[in-house]
C-alpha atoms as a PDB file:
ATOM      1  CA  MET A   1       0.000   0.000   0.000  1.00  0.00           C
ATOM      2  CA  SER A   2       2.797   2.433   0.851  1.00  0.00           C
ATOM      3  CA  ARG A   3       4.303   2.313  -2.647  1.00  0.00           C
ATOM      4  CA  ARG A   4       0.844   2.752  -4.167  1.00  0.00           C
ATOM      5  CA  LEU A   5       0.099   5.825  -2.045  1.00  0.00           C
ATOM      6  CA  VAL A   6       3.530   7.382  -2.587  1.00  0.00           C
ATOM      7  CA  PRO A   7       5.310   5.953  -5.665  1.00  0.00           C
ATOM      8  CA  ASP A   8       9.075   6.222  -5.907  1.00  0.00           C
ATOM      9  CA  GLU A   9       8.787   8.879  -8.621  1.00  0.00           C
ATOM     10  CA  LEU A  10       6.636  11.117  -6.412  1.00  0.00           C
ATOM     11  CA  TRP A  11       8.909  10.621  -3.435  1.00  0.00           C
ATOM     12  CA  ALA A  12      11.887  11.626  -5.572  1.00  0.00           C
ATOM     13  CA  LEU A  13      10.232  15.045  -5.973  1.00  0.00           C
ATOM     14  CA  VAL A  14       9.188  15.314  -2.320  1.00  0.00           C
ATOM     15  CA  GLU A  15      12.304  14.148  -0.499  1.00  0.00           C
ATOM     16  CA  PRO A  16      14.607  17.089  -1.399  1.00  0.00           C
ATOM     17  CA  LEU A  17      11.962  19.518  -0.144  1.00  0.00           C
ATOM     18  CA  ILE A  18      11.463  17.954   3.292  1.00  0.00           C
ATOM     19  CA  PRO A  19      12.630  20.405   5.984  1.00  0.00           C
ATOM     20  CA  ALA A  20      15.546  19.211   8.073  1.00  0.00           C
ATOM     21  CA  GLY A  21      14.359  17.539  11.244  1.00  0.00           C
ATOM     22  CA  LYS A  22      15.441  18.444  14.731  1.00  0.00           C
ATOM     23  CA  THR A  23      18.576  16.591  15.683  1.00  0.00           C
ATOM     24  CA  ARG A  24      18.594  14.593  18.892  1.00  0.00           C
ATOM     25  CA  PRO A  25      21.612  14.480  21.206  1.00  0.00           C
ATOM     26  CA  GLN A  26      23.553  11.236  21.038  1.00  0.00           C
ATOM     27  CA  GLY A  27      21.741   8.633  23.070  1.00  0.00           C
ATOM     28  CA  GLY A  28      18.746  10.940  23.406  1.00  0.00           C
ATOM     29  CA  GLY A  29      15.989   8.401  22.931  1.00  0.00           C
ATOM     30  CA  MET A  30      14.423   6.813  19.864  1.00  0.00           C
ATOM     31  CA  SER A  31      15.675   7.626  16.371  1.00  0.00           C
ATOM     32  CA  ARG A  32      13.646   9.905  14.129  1.00  0.00           C
ATOM     33  CA  VAL A  33      10.800   8.211  12.272  1.00  0.00           C
ATOM     34  CA  ASP A  34      11.421   7.919   8.533  1.00  0.00           C
ATOM     35  CA  ASP A  35      10.078  10.938   6.618  1.00  0.00           C
ATOM     36  CA  ARG A  36       8.671   8.810   3.808  1.00  0.00           C
ATOM     37  CA  ALA A  37       6.669   6.722   6.283  1.00  0.00           C
ATOM     38  CA  VAL A  38       5.216   9.893   7.796  1.00  0.00           C
ATOM     39  CA  PHE A  39       4.456  11.407   4.384  1.00  0.00           C
ATOM     40  CA  THR A  40       2.712   8.190   3.328  1.00  0.00           C
ATOM     41  CA  ALA A  41       0.639   8.154   6.506  1.00  0.00           C
ATOM     42  CA  ILE A  42      -0.484  11.740   5.815  1.00  0.00           C
ATOM     43  CA  VAL A  43      -1.481  10.814   2.251  1.00  0.00           C
ATOM     44  CA  PHE A  44      -3.501   7.932   3.730  1.00  0.00           C
ATOM     45  CA  VAL A  45      -5.355  10.326   6.046  1.00  0.00           C
ATOM     46  CA  LEU A  46      -6.116  12.574   3.053  1.00  0.00           C
ATOM     47  CA  THR A  47      -7.382   9.811   0.795  1.00  0.00           C
ATOM     48  CA  SER A  48      -9.222   7.692   3.360  1.00  0.00           C
ATOM     49  CA  GLY A  49     -10.623  10.529   5.441  1.00  0.00           C
ATOM     50  CA  CYS A  50      -9.819   8.672   8.664  1.00  0.00           C
ATOM     51  CA  ALA A  51      -9.322  10.549  11.918  1.00  0.00           C
ATOM     52  CA  TRP A  52      -5.734  10.899  13.042  1.00  0.00           C
ATOM     53  CA  ARG A  53      -6.434   8.659  16.030  1.00  0.00           C
ATOM     54  CA  HIS A  54      -7.475   5.857  13.648  1.00  0.00           C
ATOM     55  CA  LEU A  55      -4.211   5.878  11.689  1.00  0.00           C
ATOM     56  CA  PRO A  56      -3.290   2.174  11.204  1.00  0.00           C
ATOM     57  CA  PRO A  57      -0.144   1.096  13.073  1.00  0.00           C
ATOM     58  CA  SER A  58       1.030  -0.701   9.921  1.00  0.00           C
ATOM     59  CA  PHE A  59       2.526   2.588   8.707  1.00  0.00           C
ATOM     60  CA  GLY A  60       5.036   2.444  11.539  1.00  0.00           C
ATOM     61  CA  VAL A  61       4.168   5.981  12.633  1.00  0.00           C
ATOM     62  CA  THR A  62       2.548   7.022  15.878  1.00  0.00           C
ATOM     63  CA  VAL A  63      -0.402   9.396  15.748  1.00  0.00           C
ATOM     64  CA  PRO A  64       1.393  12.222  17.642  1.00  0.00           C
ATOM     65  CA  THR A  65       4.401  11.953  15.310  1.00  0.00           C
ATOM     66  CA  ALA A  66       2.276  12.025  12.148  1.00  0.00           C
ATOM     67  CA  HIS A  67       0.186  14.984  13.282  1.00  0.00           C
ATOM     68  CA  ARG A  68       3.152  16.932  14.647  1.00  0.00           C
ATOM     69  CA  ARG A  69       5.169  16.551  11.477  1.00  0.00           C
ATOM     70  CA  PHE A  70       2.128  17.395   9.335  1.00  0.00           C
ATOM     71  CA  SER A  71       1.820  20.653  11.299  1.00  0.00           C
ATOM     72  CA  GLU A  72       5.550  21.388  11.061  1.00  0.00           C
ATOM     73  CA  TRP A  73       5.583  20.785   7.319  1.00  0.00           C
ATOM     74  CA  ALA A  74       2.508  22.961   6.843  1.00  0.00           C
ATOM     75  CA  ALA A  75       4.196  25.810   8.723  1.00  0.00           C
ATOM     76  CA  ALA A  76       7.335  25.353   6.613  1.00  0.00           C
ATOM     77  CA  GLY A  77       5.372  25.573   3.349  1.00  0.00           C
ATOM     78  CA  LEU A  78       6.198  22.023   2.246  1.00  0.00           C
ATOM     79  CA  TRP A  79       2.800  21.296   0.715  1.00  0.00           C
ATOM     80  CA  ARG A  80       2.970  24.389  -1.502  1.00  0.00           C
ATOM     81  CA  ASP A  81       6.541  23.575  -2.502  1.00  0.00           C
ATOM     82  CA  VAL A  82       5.691  19.992  -3.469  1.00  0.00           C
ATOM     83  CA  HIS A  83       2.734  21.174  -5.545  1.00  0.00           C
ATOM     84  CA  ARG A  84       5.000  23.570  -7.417  1.00  0.00           C
ATOM     85  CA  ALA A  85       7.607  20.872  -7.942  1.00  0.00           C
ATOM     86  CA  VAL A  86       5.023  18.643  -9.606  1.00  0.00           C
ATOM     87  CA  LEU A  87       3.777  21.570 -11.716  1.00  0.00           C
ATOM     88  CA  ASP A  88       7.382  22.208 -12.799  1.00  0.00           C
ATOM     89  CA  GLU A  89       7.664  18.619 -13.986  1.00  0.00           C
ATOM     90  CA  LEU A  90       4.398  18.951 -15.909  1.00  0.00           C
ATOM     91  CA  GLY A  91       5.503  22.250 -17.410  1.00  0.00           C
ATOM     92  CA  SER A  92       8.882  20.926 -18.469  1.00  0.00           C
ATOM     93  CA  GLN A  93       7.071  18.187 -20.386  1.00  0.00           C
ATOM     94  CA  ASP A  94       4.655  20.693 -21.968  1.00  0.00           C
ATOM     95  CA  MET A  95       1.696  19.117 -20.147  1.00  0.00           C
ATOM     96  CA  ILE A  96       0.112  22.359 -18.888  1.00  0.00           C
ATOM     97  CA  ASP A  97      -2.285  24.095 -21.279  1.00  0.00           C
ATOM     98  CA  TRP A  98      -1.987  27.846 -20.745  1.00  0.00           C
ATOM     99  CA  SER A  99      -4.462  28.741 -23.501  1.00  0.00           C
ATOM    100  CA  ARG A 100      -7.114  29.245 -20.844  1.00  0.00           C
ATOM    101  CA  ALA A 101      -7.579  28.935 -17.106  1.00  0.00           C
ATOM    102  CA  VAL A 102     -10.838  28.217 -15.306  1.00  0.00           C
ATOM    103  CA  LEU A 103     -11.864  28.966 -11.738  1.00  0.00           C
ATOM    104  CA  ASP A 104     -14.733  28.178  -9.419  1.00  0.00           C
ATOM    105  CA  GLY A 105     -15.553  27.456  -5.793  1.00  0.00           C
ATOM    106  CA  ALA A 106     -17.492  24.908  -3.765  1.00  0.00           C
ATOM    107  CA  SER A 107     -18.737  24.832  -0.187  1.00  0.00           C
ATOM    108  CA  VAL A 108     -17.964  22.115   2.350  1.00  0.00           C
ATOM    109  CA  ARG A 109     -19.366  21.680   5.844  1.00  0.00           C
ATOM    110  CA  ALA A 110     -17.075  22.603   8.746  1.00  0.00           C
ATOM    111  CA  LYS A 111     -17.712  20.298  11.695  1.00  0.00           C
ATOM    112  CA  LYS A 112     -15.795  22.341  14.256  1.00  0.00           C
ATOM    113  CA  GLY A 113     -16.320  25.912  13.131  1.00  0.00           C
ATOM    114  CA  ALA A 114     -13.179  27.989  13.832  1.00  0.00           C
ATOM    115  CA  ASP A 115     -11.445  30.506  11.550  1.00  0.00           C
ATOM    116  CA  LEU A 116     -12.450  30.877   7.888  1.00  0.00           C
ATOM    117  CA  THR A 117     -15.869  29.349   8.446  1.00  0.00           C
ATOM    118  CA  GLY A 118     -19.275  30.958   8.126  1.00  0.00           C
ATOM    119  CA  PRO A 119     -22.957  30.207   7.565  1.00  0.00           C
ATOM    120  CA  SER A 120     -23.243  28.275   4.334  1.00  0.00           C
ATOM    121  CA  PRO A 121     -25.897  29.618   1.929  1.00  0.00           C
ATOM    122  CA  VAL A 122     -26.185  26.163   0.347  1.00  0.00           C
ATOM    123  CA  ASP A 123     -26.419  24.186   3.605  1.00  0.00           C
ATOM    124  CA  ARG A 124     -29.193  25.907   5.581  1.00  0.00           C
ATOM    125  CA  GLY A 125     -26.788  28.296   7.252  1.00  0.00           C
ATOM    126  CA  LYS A 126     -24.681  25.614   8.901  1.00  0.00           C
ATOM    127  CA  PRO A 127     -21.000  26.415   9.485  1.00  0.00           C
ATOM    128  CA  GLY A 128     -18.914  25.809   6.407  1.00  0.00           C
ATOM    129  CA  SER A 129     -15.884  26.759   4.383  1.00  0.00           C
ATOM    130  CA  LYS A 130     -15.438  27.274   0.670  1.00  0.00           C
ATOM    131  CA  ILE A 131     -12.664  25.855  -1.464  1.00  0.00           C
ATOM    132  CA  HIS A 132     -11.509  27.873  -4.464  1.00  0.00           C
ATOM    133  CA  VAL A 133      -9.649  26.303  -7.369  1.00  0.00           C
ATOM    134  CA  LEU A 134      -8.017  27.683 -10.516  1.00  0.00           C
ATOM    135  CA  SER A 135      -7.023  25.144 -13.158  1.00  0.00           C
ATOM    136  CA  ASP A 136      -5.513  25.057 -16.614  1.00  0.00           C
ATOM    137  CA  ARG A 137      -7.595  24.224 -19.682  1.00  0.00           C
ATOM    138  CA  ALA A 138      -7.438  20.485 -18.945  1.00  0.00           C
ATOM    139  CA  GLY A 139      -8.428  20.855 -15.290  1.00  0.00           C
ATOM    140  CA  LEU A 140      -5.030  20.577 -13.622  1.00  0.00           C
ATOM    141  CA  PRO A 141      -5.259  22.588 -10.372  1.00  0.00           C
ATOM    142  CA  LEU A 142      -2.678  25.376 -10.569  1.00  0.00           C
ATOM    143  CA  THR A 143      -3.592  27.037  -7.286  1.00  0.00           C
ATOM    144  CA  VAL A 144      -6.120  26.578  -4.477  1.00  0.00           C
ATOM    145  CA  ALA A 145      -7.446  28.613  -1.566  1.00  0.00           C
ATOM    146  CA  ILE A 146     -10.083  28.510   1.170  1.00  0.00           C
ATOM    147  CA  SER A 147     -12.469  31.033   2.691  1.00  0.00           C
ATOM    148  CA  ALA A 148     -15.588  31.158   4.845  1.00  0.00           C
ATOM    149  CA  ALA A 149     -18.623  29.628   3.159  1.00  0.00           C
ATOM    150  CA  ASN A 150     -20.445  32.977   3.091  1.00  0.00           C
ATOM    151  CA  THR A 151     -17.620  34.651   1.132  1.00  0.00           C
ATOM    152  CA  HIS A 152     -18.651  35.695  -2.362  1.00  0.00           C
ATOM    153  CA  ASP A 153     -16.823  33.725  -5.056  1.00  0.00           C
ATOM    154  CA  SER A 154     -15.641  36.908  -6.776  1.00  0.00           C
ATOM    155  CA  HIS A 155     -13.375  37.778  -3.826  1.00  0.00           C
ATOM    156  CA  ALA A 156     -11.171  34.809  -4.695  1.00  0.00           C
ATOM    157  CA  LEU A 157     -10.364  35.807  -8.281  1.00  0.00           C
ATOM    158  CA  LYS A 158      -7.466  38.204  -7.642  1.00  0.00           C
ATOM    159  CA  PRO A 159      -5.748  36.083  -4.950  1.00  0.00           C
ATOM    160  CA  LEU A 160      -5.981  32.965  -7.111  1.00  0.00           C
ATOM    161  CA  VAL A 161      -4.593  34.657 -10.211  1.00  0.00           C
ATOM    162  CA  ASN A 162      -1.804  36.299  -8.202  1.00  0.00           C
ATOM    163  CA  ALA A 163      -0.957  32.949  -6.611  1.00  0.00           C
ATOM    164  CA  ILE A 164      -0.340  31.118  -9.894  1.00  0.00           C
ATOM    165  CA  PRO A 165       3.290  30.014  -9.547  1.00  0.00           C
ATOM    166  CA  ALA A 166       5.913  30.662 -12.197  1.00  0.00           C
ATOM    167  CA  VAL A 167       6.055  27.220 -13.779  1.00  0.00           C
ATOM    168  CA  ARG A 168       8.940  25.805 -15.781  1.00  0.00           C
ATOM    169  CA  SER A 169       8.426  25.517 -19.539  1.00  0.00           C
ATOM    170  CA  ARG A 170       9.899  23.107 -22.049  1.00  0.00           C
ATOM    171  CA  ARG A 171      11.098  26.076 -24.058  1.00  0.00           C
ATOM    172  CA  GLY A 172      11.594  29.650 -22.905  1.00  0.00           C
ATOM    173  CA  PRO A 173      11.086  31.343 -19.541  1.00  0.00           C
ATOM    174  CA  ARG A 174       8.829  30.216 -16.724  1.00  0.00           C
ATOM    175  CA  ARG A 175       5.155  30.948 -17.205  1.00  0.00           C
ATOM    176  CA  SER A 176       2.435  32.024 -14.764  1.00  0.00           C
ATOM    177  CA  LYS A 177      -0.196  33.681 -16.916  1.00  0.00           C
ATOM    178  CA  PRO A 178      -2.974  32.062 -18.991  1.00  0.00           C
ATOM    179  CA  VAL A 179      -4.187  33.617 -22.214  1.00  0.00           C
ATOM    180  CA  LYS A 180      -7.847  33.602 -21.114  1.00  0.00           C
ATOM    181  CA  LEU A 181      -9.699  33.164 -17.838  1.00  0.00           C
ATOM    182  CA  HIS A 182     -13.121  31.502 -17.812  1.00  0.00           C
ATOM    183  CA  ALA A 183     -15.557  31.924 -14.938  1.00  0.00           C
ATOM    184  CA  ASP A 184     -19.285  31.881 -14.284  1.00  0.00           C
ATOM    185  CA  LYS A 185     -21.636  34.786 -13.568  1.00  0.00           C
ATOM    186  CA  ALA A 186     -20.598  35.024  -9.927  1.00  0.00           C
ATOM    187  CA  TYR A 187     -17.440  36.758 -11.168  1.00  0.00           C
ATOM    188  CA  ASP A 188     -19.248  39.168 -13.505  1.00  0.00           C
ATOM    189  CA  ILE A 189     -17.882  42.402 -12.026  1.00  0.00           C
ATOM    190  CA  PRO A 190     -16.537  45.147 -14.334  1.00  0.00           C
ATOM    191  CA  ALA A 191     -13.613  45.908 -12.036  1.00  0.00           C
ATOM    192  CA  LEU A 192     -12.458  42.295 -12.221  1.00  0.00           C
ATOM    193  CA  ARG A 193     -12.639  42.331 -16.019  1.00  0.00           C
ATOM    194  CA  ASP A 194     -10.553  45.514 -16.098  1.00  0.00           C
ATOM    195  CA  TRP A 195      -8.060  44.043 -13.640  1.00  0.00           C
ATOM    196  CA  LEU A 196      -7.573  40.975 -15.839  1.00  0.00           C
ATOM    197  CA  ARG A 197      -7.160  43.052 -18.995  1.00  0.00           C
ATOM    198  CA  GLN A 198      -4.493  45.159 -17.281  1.00  0.00           C
ATOM    199  CA  ARG A 199      -2.579  41.920 -16.799  1.00  0.00           C
ATOM    200  CA  ARG A 200      -3.131  40.959 -20.425  1.00  0.00           C
ATOM    201  CA  ILE A 201      -5.460  38.110 -19.546  1.00  0.00           C
ATOM    202  CA  ILE A 202      -8.611  37.951 -21.663  1.00  0.00           C
ATOM    203  CA  PRO A 203     -11.673  37.687 -19.387  1.00  0.00           C
ATOM    204  CA  ARG A 204     -14.230  35.105 -20.515  1.00  0.00           C
ATOM    205  CA  ILE A 205     -16.761  35.607 -17.761  1.00  0.00           C
ATOM    206  CA  ALA A 206     -20.451  34.881 -18.289  1.00  0.00           C
ATOM    207  CA  ARG A 207     -22.527  38.068 -18.230  1.00  0.00           C
ATOM    208  CA  LYS A 208     -25.570  38.227 -16.013  1.00  0.00           C
ATOM    209  CA  GLY A 209     -28.789  38.396 -18.000  1.00  0.00           C
ATOM    210  CA  ILE A 210     -26.943  38.198 -21.326  1.00  0.00           C
ATOM    211  CA  GLU A 211     -25.060  34.958 -21.818  1.00  0.00           C
ATOM    212  CA  SER A 212     -26.570  31.585 -21.045  1.00  0.00           C
ATOM    213  CA  ALA A 213     -24.804  29.114 -18.811  1.00  0.00           C
ATOM    214  CA  GLU A 214     -24.486  26.744 -21.754  1.00  0.00           C
ATOM    215  CA  LYS A 215     -22.474  29.120 -23.932  1.00  0.00           C
ATOM    216  CA  LEU A 216     -19.338  29.096 -21.802  1.00  0.00           C
ATOM    217  CA  GLY A 217     -20.140  25.844 -20.039  1.00  0.00           C
ATOM    218  CA  LYS A 218     -18.257  23.861 -22.665  1.00  0.00           C
ATOM    219  CA  HIS A 219     -15.065  25.328 -21.201  1.00  0.00           C
ATOM    220  CA  ARG A 220     -16.030  25.657 -17.528  1.00  0.00           C
ATOM    221  CA  TRP A 221     -17.094  22.051 -16.956  1.00  0.00           C
ATOM    222  CA  VAL A 222     -13.467  21.065 -16.420  1.00  0.00           C
ATOM    223  CA  ILE A 223     -13.257  23.007 -13.149  1.00  0.00           C
ATOM    224  CA  GLU A 224     -16.338  21.222 -11.843  1.00  0.00           C
ATOM    225  CA  ARG A 225     -14.598  17.938 -12.617  1.00  0.00           C
ATOM    226  CA  THR A 226     -11.457  19.167 -10.855  1.00  0.00           C
ATOM    227  CA  ILE A 227     -13.413  20.071  -7.729  1.00  0.00           C
ATOM    228  CA  ALA A 228     -15.024  16.615  -7.886  1.00  0.00           C
ATOM    229  CA  TRP A 229     -11.523  15.090  -8.068  1.00  0.00           C
ATOM    230  CA  LEU A 230     -10.441  17.063  -5.010  1.00  0.00           C
ATOM    231  CA  THR A 231     -13.500  16.287  -2.918  1.00  0.00           C
ATOM    232  CA  GLY A 232     -12.956  12.658  -3.866  1.00  0.00           C
ATOM    233  CA  TYR A 233     -10.171  12.768  -1.283  1.00  0.00           C
ATOM    234  CA  ARG A 234     -12.359  12.015   1.684  1.00  0.00           C
ATOM    235  CA  ARG A 235     -10.536  14.275   4.123  1.00  0.00           C
ATOM    236  CA  LEU A 236     -11.630  17.242   1.978  1.00  0.00           C
ATOM    237  CA  THR A 237     -15.327  16.340   1.796  1.00  0.00           C
ATOM    238  CA  VAL A 238     -15.917  17.806   5.265  1.00  0.00           C
ATOM    239  CA  ARG A 239     -13.596  20.220   7.046  1.00  0.00           C
ATOM    240  CA  TYR A 240     -12.576  18.673  10.373  1.00  0.00           C
ATOM    241  CA  GLU A 241      -9.521  20.866  10.986  1.00  0.00           C
ATOM    242  CA  ARG A 242      -9.856  23.806  13.341  1.00  0.00           C
ATOM    243  CA  LYS A 243      -6.829  25.512  11.828  1.00  0.00           C
ATOM    244  CA  PRO A 244      -7.514  26.769   8.297  1.00  0.00           C
ATOM    245  CA  SER A 245      -3.823  26.259   7.483  1.00  0.00           C
ATOM    246  CA  HIS A 246      -4.254  22.537   8.122  1.00  0.00           C
ATOM    247  CA  TYR A 247      -7.294  22.230   5.859  1.00  0.00           C
ATOM    248  CA  LEU A 248      -5.478  24.236   3.187  1.00  0.00           C
ATOM    249  CA  ALA A 249      -2.513  21.885   3.580  1.00  0.00           C
ATOM    250  CA  PHE A 250      -4.727  18.886   2.839  1.00  0.00           C
ATOM    251  CA  LEU A 251      -6.321  20.740  -0.083  1.00  0.00           C
ATOM    252  CA  THR A 252      -2.903  21.569  -1.531  1.00  0.00           C
ATOM    253  CA  LEU A 253      -1.758  17.976  -1.086  1.00  0.00           C
ATOM    254  CA  GLY A 254      -4.897  16.832  -2.912  1.00  0.00           C
ATOM    255  CA  ALA A 255      -4.084  19.219  -5.770  1.00  0.00           C
ATOM    256  CA  THR A 256      -0.526  17.866  -5.836  1.00  0.00           C
ATOM    257  CA  ILE A 257      -1.614  14.251  -6.121  1.00  0.00           C
ATOM    258  CA  THR A 258      -4.169  15.177  -8.783  1.00  0.00           C
ATOM    259  CA  CYS A 259      -1.412  16.801 -10.844  1.00  0.00           C
ATOM    260  CA  TYR A 260       0.959  13.901 -10.210  1.00  0.00           C
ATOM    261  CA  LYS A 261      -1.566  11.422 -11.625  1.00  0.00           C
ATOM    262  CA  LYS A 262      -1.404  13.331 -14.907  1.00  0.00           C
ATOM    263  CA  LEU A 263       2.387  13.217 -14.772  1.00  0.00           C
ATOM    264  CA  ALA A 264       2.421   9.477 -14.062  1.00  0.00           C
ATOM    265  CA  LYS A 265       0.250   8.547 -17.042  1.00  0.00           C
END
């Protein structure tokens, strides 16, 4: 199972990015648990949705160790760095389609409330968070974010576009800007269109009361599929984490694995 969850090729990208662990004095207790075992256990929690306390002992990692290192790696920015490393590999093989990007959001229930949660307008006002995703033309998640469930989708457009990493290309300089950006009517705000044009990105946003959902839907359906891929990781279906940084870490890891599956084909 471990090799299936974290293949050697994925680990080869992850291992150089792992922050150096704290060194123990000679004779100072048990040796440090293997980083790959911990990383694999975290991927298992993401994909299975199990609570930390139910982590199977077969991984050779104790629950406190797995959770502590997950928190340390989140604080160190490991999950973002790994996502970018996988995107670099995709870009170097010309597997990212920059001809258009697509973005959308989806609400998830938040069991424990906490920061970046709010009454969900699609879940009878129950506490929830919203995940925001921007993908390339084929649906590869280029960047992700979270907010309270009662945050309007349009507020995520600028942060998502600004967060697109500079990705390696097969030929020429790194790239971080799509030619077009597709979005639904929730993003139909003149100021956002102007902002995109200033950055030489062509806005393809459905206009309220003018364009039907079907007209641009032939391009936007890919982001709905991407969000379905992400919420297929059971830890993302419901937000259990009190810290938004921890839920974002799982979301970023889900985006990384989604991109890696494209790379592995």
